[in-house]
C-alpha atoms as a PDB file:
ATOM      1  CA  MET A   1       0.728  32.349   2.114  1.00  0.00           C
ATOM      2  CA  ARG A   2      -1.596  29.699  -0.457  1.00  0.00           C
ATOM      3  CA  TYR A   3       1.671  28.184  -1.709  1.00  0.00           C
ATOM      4  CA  ALA A   4       3.170  27.446   1.435  1.00  0.00           C
ATOM      5  CA  LEU A   5      -0.266  25.644   2.426  1.00  0.00           C
ATOM      6  CA  VAL A   6      -0.251  23.578  -0.418  1.00  0.00           C
ATOM      7  CA  VAL A   7       3.379  22.646   0.021  1.00  0.00           C
ATOM      8  CA  LEU A   8       2.815  22.094   4.022  1.00  0.00           C
ATOM      9  CA  THR A   9      -0.248  19.842   3.159  1.00  0.00           C
ATOM     10  CA  ALA A  10       1.497  18.073   0.590  1.00  0.00           C
ATOM     11  CA  GLY A  11       4.430  17.351   3.029  1.00  0.00           C
ATOM     12  CA  PHE A  12       1.795  16.346   5.551  1.00  0.00           C
ATOM     13  CA  THR A  13       0.274  13.869   3.271  1.00  0.00           C
ATOM     14  CA  GLY A  14       3.270  12.438   1.719  1.00  0.00           C
ATOM     15  CA  LEU A  15       4.344  11.662   4.878  1.00  0.00           C
ATOM     16  CA  LEU A  16       1.467  10.127   6.490  1.00  0.00           C
ATOM     17  CA  SER A  17       1.466   8.137   3.146  1.00  0.00           C
ATOM     18  CA  PHE A  18       4.611   6.236   3.919  1.00  0.00           C
ATOM     19  CA  SER A  19       4.118   6.065   7.776  1.00  0.00           C
ATOM     20  CA  LEU A  20       0.865   4.447   6.686  1.00  0.00           C
ATOM     21  CA  LEU A  21       2.398   1.944   4.268  1.00  0.00           C
ATOM     22  CA  ALA A  22       5.130   1.111   6.871  1.00  0.00           C
ATOM     23  CA  VAL A  23       2.603  -0.160   9.233  1.00  0.00           C
ATOM     24  CA  ALA A  24       0.806  -1.889   6.550  1.00  0.00           C
ATOM     25  CA  ILE A  25       3.600  -3.943   5.730  1.00  0.00           C
ATOM     26  CA  GLY A  26       4.870  -4.378   9.033  1.00  0.00           C
ATOM     27  CA  THR A  27       1.279  -5.886  10.415  1.00  0.00           C
ATOM     28  CA  ASP A  28      -0.471  -9.194  10.056  1.00  0.00           C
ATOM     29  CA  TYR A  29      -4.159  -8.068   9.734  1.00  0.00           C
ATOM     30  CA  TRP A  30      -4.228  -8.357   5.866  1.00  0.00           C
ATOM     31  CA  TYR A  31      -6.507 -11.099   5.896  1.00  0.00           C
ATOM     32  CA  ILE A  32      -8.583 -12.683   8.561  1.00  0.00           C
ATOM     33  CA  ILE A  33     -10.299 -16.050   8.784  1.00  0.00           C
ATOM     34  CA  ASP A  34     -12.854 -16.374  11.565  1.00  0.00           C
ATOM     35  CA  VAL A  35     -13.867 -19.737  12.321  1.00  0.00           C
ATOM     36  CA  ASN A  36     -17.094 -19.858  14.384  1.00  0.00           C
ATOM     37  CA  LYS A  37     -17.105 -23.834  14.629  1.00  0.00           C
ATOM     38  CA  PRO A  38     -18.723 -24.667  17.864  1.00  0.00           C
ATOM     39  CA  ASN A  39     -16.805 -26.167  20.787  1.00  0.00           C
ATOM     40  CA  CYS A  40     -13.468 -24.967  19.003  1.00  0.00           C
ATOM     41  CA  THR A  41     -11.467 -22.912  21.266  1.00  0.00           C
ATOM     42  CA  GLY A  42      -8.461 -22.447  22.845  1.00  0.00           C
ATOM     43  CA  PRO A  43      -5.586 -24.768  21.683  1.00  0.00           C
ATOM     44  CA  ASP A  44      -8.223 -25.671  19.238  1.00  0.00           C
ATOM     45  CA  ASP A  45      -9.341 -22.560  17.591  1.00  0.00           C
ATOM     46  CA  LEU A  46      -9.103 -22.369  13.907  1.00  0.00           C
ATOM     47  CA  SER A  47      -9.011 -18.708  13.276  1.00  0.00           C
ATOM     48  CA  SER A  48      -6.431 -17.028  11.572  1.00  0.00           C
ATOM     49  CA  HIS A  49      -4.854 -13.706  10.830  1.00  0.00           C
ATOM     50  CA  SER A  50      -2.201 -12.966   7.945  1.00  0.00           C
ATOM     51  CA  GLY A  51       0.246 -10.443   7.061  1.00  0.00           C
ATOM     52  CA  LEU A  52       2.632 -10.368   4.258  1.00  0.00           C
ATOM     53  CA  TRP A  53       5.277 -12.443   6.117  1.00  0.00           C
ATOM     54  CA  ARG A  54       3.485 -14.277   8.838  1.00  0.00           C
ATOM     55  CA  ILE A  55       0.317 -16.464   9.262  1.00  0.00           C
ATOM     56  CA  ASN A  56      -0.920 -16.411  13.187  1.00  0.00           C
ATOM     57  CA  GLU A  57      -3.111 -19.171  13.884  1.00  0.00           C
ATOM     58  CA  GLY A  58      -5.324 -19.534  17.024  1.00  0.00           C
ATOM     59  CA  ALA A  59      -4.028 -18.025  20.239  1.00  0.00           C
ATOM     60  CA  ASN A  60      -0.084 -18.454  20.083  1.00  0.00           C
ATOM     61  CA  ARG A  61       0.843 -20.325  16.959  1.00  0.00           C
ATOM     62  CA  SER A  62       2.769 -18.357  14.346  1.00  0.00           C
ATOM     63  CA  SER A  63       4.431 -19.502  10.831  1.00  0.00           C
ATOM     64  CA  VAL A  64       6.531 -17.386   8.562  1.00  0.00           C
ATOM     65  CA  ILE A  65       5.341 -17.687   5.010  1.00  0.00           C
ATOM     66  CA  PRO A  66       8.009 -19.330   2.636  1.00  0.00           C
ATOM     67  CA  SER A  67       7.460 -17.437  -0.463  1.00  0.00           C
ATOM     68  CA  PHE A  68      11.254 -17.458  -1.213  1.00  0.00           C
ATOM     69  CA  THR A  69      12.427 -20.574   0.841  1.00  0.00           C
ATOM     70  CA  ALA A  70       9.918 -23.061  -0.042  1.00  0.00           C
ATOM     71  CA  ASN A  71      10.831 -26.165  -2.442  1.00  0.00           C
ATOM     72  CA  MET A  72       9.045 -25.441  -5.422  1.00  0.00           C
ATOM     73  CA  SER A  73       9.196 -28.799  -6.853  1.00  0.00           C
ATOM     74  CA  SER A  74       7.222 -30.650  -4.154  1.00  0.00           C
ATOM     75  CA  LEU A  75       4.585 -27.933  -4.877  1.00  0.00           C
ATOM     76  CA  SER A  76       1.269 -28.234  -6.674  1.00  0.00           C
ATOM     77  CA  GLU A  77       0.840 -25.985  -9.869  1.00  0.00           C
ATOM     78  CA  ALA A  78      -1.795 -24.020  -7.843  1.00  0.00           C
ATOM     79  CA  ASP A  79       0.362 -23.542  -4.766  1.00  0.00           C
ATOM     80  CA  ARG A  80       3.339 -22.578  -7.109  1.00  0.00           C
ATOM     81  CA  HIS A  81       1.162 -19.692  -8.691  1.00  0.00           C
ATOM     82  CA  LEU A  82       0.103 -18.549  -5.488  1.00  0.00           C
ATOM     83  CA  LEU A  83       3.932 -18.132  -3.954  1.00  0.00           C
ATOM     84  CA  ASP A  84       4.329 -16.103  -7.173  1.00  0.00           C
ATOM     85  CA  LEU A  85       1.879 -13.813  -6.629  1.00  0.00           C
ATOM     86  CA  HIS A  86       2.699 -13.447  -2.946  1.00  0.00           C
ATOM     87  CA  LYS A  87       6.656 -12.706  -4.150  1.00  0.00           C
ATOM     88  CA  VAL A  88       5.338 -10.300  -6.276  1.00  0.00           C
ATOM     89  CA  VAL A  89       3.622  -8.737  -3.394  1.00  0.00           C
ATOM     90  CA  VAL A  90       6.548  -8.452  -0.965  1.00  0.00           C
ATOM     91  CA  ILE A  91       8.522  -7.214  -3.631  1.00  0.00           C
ATOM     92  CA  VAL A  92       6.354  -4.412  -4.956  1.00  0.00           C
ATOM     93  CA  LEU A  93       5.134  -2.750  -1.526  1.00  0.00           C
ATOM     94  CA  PRO A  94       8.230  -2.287   0.181  1.00  0.00           C
ATOM     95  CA  LEU A  95       9.789  -0.908  -3.337  1.00  0.00           C
ATOM     96  CA  SER A  96       7.200   1.378  -3.210  1.00  0.00           C
ATOM     97  CA  LEU A  97       8.000   2.264   0.524  1.00  0.00           C
ATOM     98  CA  VAL A  98      11.689   3.125  -0.627  1.00  0.00           C
ATOM     99  CA  LEU A  99      10.491   5.117  -3.734  1.00  0.00           C
ATOM    100  CA  LEU A 100       8.150   7.271  -1.044  1.00  0.00           C
ATOM    101  CA  VAL A 101      11.315   8.385   1.031  1.00  0.00           C
ATOM    102  CA  PHE A 102      13.232   9.725  -2.201  1.00  0.00           C
ATOM    103  CA  GLY A 103       9.648  11.530  -3.054  1.00  0.00           C
ATOM    104  CA  TRP A 104       9.536  13.226   0.073  1.00  0.00           C
ATOM    105  CA  ILE A 105      13.067  14.222  -0.151  1.00  0.00           C
ATOM    106  CA  PHE A 106      12.603  15.658  -3.534  1.00  0.00           C
ATOM    107  CA  GLY A 107       9.121  17.502  -2.602  1.00  0.00           C
ATOM    108  CA  LEU A 108      11.425  18.945   0.115  1.00  0.00           C
ATOM    109  CA  VAL A 109      13.852  20.386  -2.351  1.00  0.00           C
ATOM    110  CA  SER A 110      11.682  21.460  -5.095  1.00  0.00           C
ATOM    111  CA  SER A 111       8.921  23.241  -2.751  1.00  0.00           C
ATOM    112  CA  LEU A 112      12.101  25.083  -1.141  1.00  0.00           C
ATOM    113  CA  ALA A 113      13.106  25.785  -4.634  1.00  0.00           C
ATOM    114  CA  CYS A 114       9.650  27.113  -5.807  1.00  0.00           C
ATOM    115  CA  SER A 115      10.777  25.815  -9.211  1.00  0.00           C
ATOM    116  CA  PRO A 116       7.329  25.085 -11.365  1.00  0.00           C
ATOM    117  CA  ASP A 117       9.090  22.339 -13.406  1.00  0.00           C
ATOM    118  CA  LEU A 118      10.617  20.652 -10.627  1.00  0.00           C
ATOM    119  CA  LEU A 119       7.397  20.293  -8.499  1.00  0.00           C
ATOM    120  CA  ALA A 120       5.520  18.954 -11.550  1.00  0.00           C
ATOM    121  CA  GLY A 121       8.367  16.459 -11.917  1.00  0.00           C
ATOM    122  CA  THR A 122       7.886  15.340  -8.356  1.00  0.00           C
ATOM    123  CA  ALA A 123       3.807  15.295  -8.227  1.00  0.00           C
ATOM    124  CA  CYS A 124       4.310  12.734 -11.196  1.00  0.00           C
ATOM    125  CA  TYR A 125       6.883  11.103  -9.151  1.00  0.00           C
ATOM    126  CA  PHE A 126       4.327  10.370  -6.578  1.00  0.00           C
ATOM    127  CA  LEU A 127       1.650   9.384  -9.040  1.00  0.00           C
ATOM    128  CA  PHE A 128       4.191   6.744 -10.358  1.00  0.00           C
ATOM    129  CA  CYS A 129       4.921   5.392  -6.467  1.00  0.00           C
ATOM    130  CA  SER A 130       0.999   5.315  -6.173  1.00  0.00           C
ATOM    131  CA  LEU A 131       0.979   2.962  -9.521  1.00  0.00           C
ATOM    132  CA  PHE A 132       3.459   0.542  -7.280  1.00  0.00           C
ATOM    133  CA  THR A 133       1.165   0.313  -4.356  1.00  0.00           C
ATOM    134  CA  LEU A 134      -2.056   0.251  -6.068  1.00  0.00           C
ATOM    135  CA  SER A 135      -0.490  -2.745  -8.124  1.00  0.00           C
ATOM    136  CA  GLY A 136       0.842  -4.691  -5.029  1.00  0.00           C
ATOM    137  CA  VAL A 137      -2.421  -4.326  -3.218  1.00  0.00           C
ATOM    138  CA  SER A 138      -4.431  -5.062  -6.318  1.00  0.00           C
ATOM    139  CA  ILE A 139      -2.347  -8.211  -6.710  1.00  0.00           C
ATOM    140  CA  TYR A 140      -2.938  -9.295  -2.930  1.00  0.00           C
ATOM    141  CA  ILE A 141      -6.591  -9.498  -3.894  1.00  0.00           C
ATOM    142  CA  ARG A 142      -5.964 -11.528  -6.483  1.00  0.00           C
ATOM    143  CA  TYR A 143      -3.493 -14.233  -4.064  1.00  0.00           C
ATOM    144  CA  SER A 144      -6.500 -13.980  -1.541  1.00  0.00           C
ATOM    145  CA  ASN A 145      -9.218 -14.856  -3.810  1.00  0.00           C
ATOM    146  CA  GLN A 146      -7.006 -17.859  -5.250  1.00  0.00           C
ATOM    147  CA  ALA A 147      -6.222 -18.797  -1.938  1.00  0.00           C
ATOM    148  CA  MET A 148      -9.821 -18.980  -1.000  1.00  0.00           C
ATOM    149  CA  GLU A 149     -10.647 -20.741  -3.839  1.00  0.00           C
ATOM    150  CA  GLU A 150      -8.236 -23.495  -2.917  1.00  0.00           C
ATOM    151  CA  PHE A 151      -9.277 -23.411   0.626  1.00  0.00           C
ATOM    152  CA  GLN A 152     -13.021 -23.949  -0.700  1.00  0.00           C
ATOM    153  CA  ARG A 153     -11.829 -26.807  -2.648  1.00  0.00           C
ATOM    154  CA  ILE A 154     -10.147 -28.633  -0.257  1.00  0.00           C
ATOM    155  CA  VAL A 155     -12.898 -28.181   2.644  1.00  0.00           C
ATOM    156  CA  SER A 156     -16.144 -29.473   2.881  1.00  0.00           C
ATOM    157  CA  PRO A 157     -18.972 -27.226   2.136  1.00  0.00           C
ATOM    158  CA  GLU A 158     -20.493 -27.934   5.832  1.00  0.00           C
ATOM    159  CA  ASN A 159     -17.363 -26.636   7.498  1.00  0.00           C
ATOM    160  CA  LEU A 160     -17.573 -23.537   5.329  1.00  0.00           C
ATOM    161  CA  THR A 161     -20.239 -22.408   6.864  1.00  0.00           C
ATOM    162  CA  TYR A 162     -18.510 -21.624  10.181  1.00  0.00           C
ATOM    163  CA  VAL A 163     -15.901 -19.901   8.201  1.00  0.00           C
ATOM    164  CA  ASP A 164     -16.051 -15.878   7.710  1.00  0.00           C
ATOM    165  CA  VAL A 165     -13.324 -13.993   5.856  1.00  0.00           C
ATOM    166  CA  SER A 166     -12.551 -10.496   5.282  1.00  0.00           C
ATOM    167  CA  PHE A 167      -9.662  -8.155   4.677  1.00  0.00           C
ATOM    168  CA  GLY A 168      -8.042  -6.453   7.763  1.00  0.00           C
ATOM    169  CA  TRP A 169      -6.932  -3.293   8.869  1.00  0.00           C
ATOM    170  CA  SER A 170      -3.726  -3.702   7.260  1.00  0.00           C
ATOM    171  CA  PHE A 171      -4.993  -4.043   3.863  1.00  0.00           C
ATOM    172  CA  ALA A 172      -7.190  -1.039   4.507  1.00  0.00           C
ATOM    173  CA  THR A 173      -4.269   0.974   5.720  1.00  0.00           C
ATOM    174  CA  ALA A 174      -2.435   0.136   2.248  1.00  0.00           C
ATOM    175  CA  TRP A 175      -5.390   1.716   0.626  1.00  0.00           C
ATOM    176  CA  LEU A 176      -5.144   4.811   2.598  1.00  0.00           C
ATOM    177  CA  SER A 177      -1.766   5.321   1.936  1.00  0.00           C
ATOM    178  CA  TYR A 178      -2.125   4.964  -2.023  1.00  0.00           C
ATOM    179  CA  SER A 179      -5.011   7.334  -1.773  1.00  0.00           C
ATOM    180  CA  LEU A 180      -2.959  10.092   0.225  1.00  0.00           C
ATOM    181  CA  GLU A 181       0.124   9.249  -2.551  1.00  0.00           C
ATOM    182  CA  VAL A 182      -2.145  10.183  -5.169  1.00  0.00           C
ATOM    183  CA  THR A 183      -3.133  13.495  -3.390  1.00  0.00           C
ATOM    184  CA  THR A 184       0.095  14.035  -2.449  1.00  0.00           C
ATOM    185  CA  GLY A 185       0.987  14.267  -6.208  1.00  0.00           C
ATOM    186  CA  LEU A 186      -2.087  16.636  -7.060  1.00  0.00           C
ATOM    187  CA  LEU A 187      -1.140  18.807  -4.459  1.00  0.00           C
ATOM    188  CA  LEU A 188       2.194  19.178  -5.608  1.00  0.00           C
ATOM    189  CA  MET A 189       0.901  19.567  -9.074  1.00  0.00           C
ATOM    190  CA  LEU A 190      -1.491  22.644  -7.910  1.00  0.00           C
ATOM    191  CA  ALA A 191       1.690  23.943  -6.094  1.00  0.00           C
ATOM    192  CA  ALA A 192       3.644  23.748  -9.574  1.00  0.00           C
ATOM    193  CA  ARG A 193       0.133  25.752 -11.006  1.00  0.00           C
ATOM    194  CA  ILE A 194       0.230  28.478  -8.548  1.00  0.00           C
ATOM    195  CA  ILE A 195       4.017  29.335  -8.881  1.00  0.00           C
ATOM    196  CA  GLN A 196       3.467  29.524 -12.652  1.00  0.00           C
ATOM    197  CA  VAL A 197       0.421  31.629 -12.241  1.00  0.00           C
ATOM    198  CA  LYS A 198       2.300  34.014 -10.380  1.00  0.00           C
ATOM    199  CA  GLY A 199       5.434  34.139 -12.238  1.00  0.00           C
ATOM    200  CA  ARG A 200       3.004  35.035 -15.078  1.00  0.00           C
ATOM    201  CA  TYR A 201       1.374  37.794 -12.543  1.00  0.00           C
ATOM    202  CA  ASP A 202       4.760  39.454 -11.901  1.00  0.00           C
ATOM    203  CA  SER A 203       6.018  39.339 -15.267  1.00  0.00           C
ATOM    204  CA  GLY A 204       3.048  41.499 -16.308  1.00  0.00           C
ATOM    205  CA  VAL A 205       3.227  43.886 -13.339  1.00  0.00           C
ATOM    206  CA  ALA A 206       6.997  44.368 -14.245  1.00  0.00           C
ATOM    207  CA  ILE A 207       5.972  44.791 -17.868  1.00  0.00           C
ATOM    208  CA  ALA A 208       3.097  47.470 -16.885  1.00  0.00           C
ATOM    209  CA  MET A 209       5.687  49.499 -14.658  1.00  0.00           C
ATOM    210  CA  LEU A 210       8.134  49.919 -17.568  1.00  0.00           C
END
């Protein structure tokens, strides 16, 4: 009963981590810039929110982030570095999402087989996947900070007083997905330990009965 509860919980957290990461990757609320400048509303609204693929400015303006299509030769060194960081993020996080699909399959097979070795291997696999998610989110933080430094360099201090920046709920969702990936790995480790202990107990009982 205890083993079944642990593997069911691990399956739920693994599936939830995949769902949350998919939502994070597909939504545009990773970074929010709120401009509270007086008399700046409607079409002149300078506020924006961005995701991994798009930047949404004002009410109805949206543009794609040209990480792979930009003419790098016409960009400054700082802009090229920012795009390189962004490329890494949009490669690593979707790759982590794909790896989670296989992890869930491996977890299902190993839990049905009740094999401690397979469970431990799948646990290590989930922890490995979590490193991809952690790397992607960490690089996005670096990318956002450097982008903000460039923004502060070209905007006057007077106008910066009206600007409020923050990470959005898409970013928080990716962090939550990372936490659940680690949780899934630890639960599978616990399941492997339960099977090992049960195997030793059964062996001891069989020997005592001889």
